[in-house]
Structures are given as structure tokens and as C-alpha cells.
Amino acid sequence: MINYSQSLEPPHHPTENNDQVGLAEVLEQHKEALVGFIKRNLGLRLKQKVEAHDILQDTMISAIKGFDSMDFDQFDSYGWLCHLVEQRIIDATLQK
């Protein structure tokens, strides 16, 4: 089971700022934790084909695209971002 609670920062809700500036803050806040999460979850073969920062960049793009439809009252931002990371890892696995 994947542990989403590895972020050291308290949950932050991007909607507190009511715009994408809040999302940018959340992405920056969780950036290093997400890179670690990505590195821990990339398989050995995939690590040879894709960089963790490429997955992070794809995740950030997905976060920006999905920001308006995300309900931050139900999910914490770090857990949501980890879910997006998992989706990008699956995509990378299928493409490689």
C-alpha cells in the first residue's frame, strides 16, 4: 500500500487562495516530497527509461488541467498529487 502521508507540511487547500496561485504554492510546497515518491514508485526498468523530474512535470501539467474539477474539501492536496503521479507512472509504463 502506498503511503501518501509522507509530506512534512500540513495539508494546504489551493482553493484557500481561490485561484491557480494557490495551486502553484501547493506544487512548490510538495515538489521534493513528490520527487521522492516518484523515485520510490518507479520500477527498475522504468527508472532506466524515464527521469523522476519528467514524471513530476507531467504530474504538474495534469494538476493544472484538473485543478478546477478537484474537490479539496474531500481530498488533501498531497494525496491528490500522489494519485496523479501514480497515473503518470502507469502512462509512462505503457508508453515505454
Protein backbone atom coordinates (compact mmCIF):
# COMPACT_ATOMS: atom_id res chain seq x y z
CA MET A 1 0.00 0.00 0.00
CA ILE A 2 1.28 3.45 -0.86
CA ASN A 3 1.65 5.92 1.99
CA TYR A 4 0.53 9.39 0.96
CA SER A 5 1.27 10.93 4.34
CA GLN A 6 4.99 11.36 3.76
CA SER A 7 4.74 15.09 3.19
CA LEU A 8 6.13 17.01 6.15
CA GLU A 9 3.95 20.04 5.56
CA PRO A 10 0.38 20.29 6.81
CA PRO A 11 -2.28 19.91 4.11
CA HIS A 12 -2.89 23.09 2.15
CA HIS A 13 -6.01 23.66 0.12
CA PRO A 14 -5.37 25.53 -3.13
CA THR A 15 -8.90 26.85 -3.03
CA GLU A 16 -7.96 28.96 0.00
CA ASN A 17 -6.49 31.42 -2.49
CA ASN A 18 -9.36 30.73 -4.89
CA ASP A 19 -7.09 30.72 -7.93
CA GLN A 20 -4.22 28.88 -9.53
CA VAL A 21 -1.71 30.83 -7.46
CA GLY A 22 -2.79 28.53 -4.62
CA LEU A 23 -2.11 25.53 -6.83
CA ALA A 24 1.35 26.85 -7.70
CA GLU A 25 2.10 27.20 -3.99
CA VAL A 26 0.96 23.63 -3.32
CA LEU A 27 3.03 22.26 -6.20
CA GLU A 28 6.10 24.08 -4.94
CA GLN A 29 5.42 23.01 -1.35
CA HIS A 30 5.22 19.31 -2.27
CA LYS A 31 7.79 19.26 -5.08
CA GLU A 32 10.61 17.50 -3.23
CA ALA A 33 8.28 15.05 -1.47
CA LEU A 34 6.74 14.19 -4.85
CA VAL A 35 10.15 13.57 -6.42
CA GLY A 36 10.91 11.16 -3.57
CA PHE A 37 7.52 9.49 -4.01
CA ILE A 38 8.17 9.11 -7.73
CA LYS A 39 11.64 7.64 -7.20
CA ARG A 40 10.27 5.12 -4.70
CA ASN A 41 7.49 4.05 -7.06
CA LEU A 42 9.34 3.83 -10.38
CA GLY A 43 10.31 0.28 -11.24
CA LEU A 44 13.94 -0.50 -12.02
CA ARG A 45 13.32 -0.86 -15.76
CA LEU A 46 11.31 2.35 -15.93
CA LYS A 47 14.00 4.26 -13.99
CA GLN A 48 16.36 3.47 -16.86
CA LYS A 49 13.97 5.00 -19.38
CA VAL A 50 12.41 8.00 -17.64
CA GLU A 51 13.59 10.61 -15.15
CA ALA A 52 11.66 11.34 -11.96
CA HIS A 53 11.52 15.02 -12.89
CA ASP A 54 9.83 14.14 -16.20
CA ILE A 55 7.07 12.36 -14.27
CA LEU A 56 6.88 15.37 -11.94
CA GLN A 57 6.49 17.75 -14.87
CA ASP A 58 3.73 15.61 -16.39
CA THR A 59 2.05 15.49 -12.98
CA MET A 60 2.14 19.26 -12.67
CA ILE A 61 0.53 19.59 -16.09
CA SER A 62 -2.19 17.15 -15.03
CA ALA A 63 -2.69 19.10 -11.79
CA ILE A 64 -3.15 22.35 -13.68
CA LYS A 65 -5.63 20.74 -16.08
CA GLY A 66 -7.59 19.06 -13.28
CA PHE A 67 -7.47 21.89 -10.77
CA ASP A 68 -10.94 23.27 -11.45
CA SER A 69 -12.65 19.90 -11.01
CA MET A 70 -10.79 18.84 -7.83
CA ASP A 71 -12.73 18.87 -4.54
CA PHE A 72 -10.15 19.81 -1.91
CA ASP A 73 -12.73 19.51 0.84
CA GLN A 74 -12.73 15.73 0.34
CA PHE A 75 -9.06 15.10 -0.52
CA ASP A 76 -5.83 16.63 0.70
CA SER A 77 -3.64 18.18 -1.95
CA TYR A 78 -0.65 15.87 -1.40
CA GLY A 79 -2.79 12.73 -1.72
CA TRP A 80 -4.35 14.11 -4.90
CA LEU A 81 -0.90 14.86 -6.35
CA CYS A 82 0.33 11.36 -5.43
CA HIS A 83 -2.68 9.91 -7.23
CA LEU A 84 -1.74 11.96 -10.30
CA VAL A 85 1.86 10.70 -10.01
CA GLU A 86 0.61 7.11 -9.99
CA GLN A 87 -1.39 7.79 -13.14
CA ARG A 88 1.64 9.33 -14.87
CA ILE A 89 3.81 6.34 -13.87
CA ILE A 90 1.23 3.99 -15.36
CA ASP A 91 1.16 6.10 -18.53
CA ALA A 92 4.97 6.03 -18.74
CA THR A 93 4.98 2.26 -18.21
CA LEU A 94 2.51 1.72 -21.05
CA GLN A 95 4.44 4.04 -23.39
CA LYS A 96 7.90 2.62 -22.79
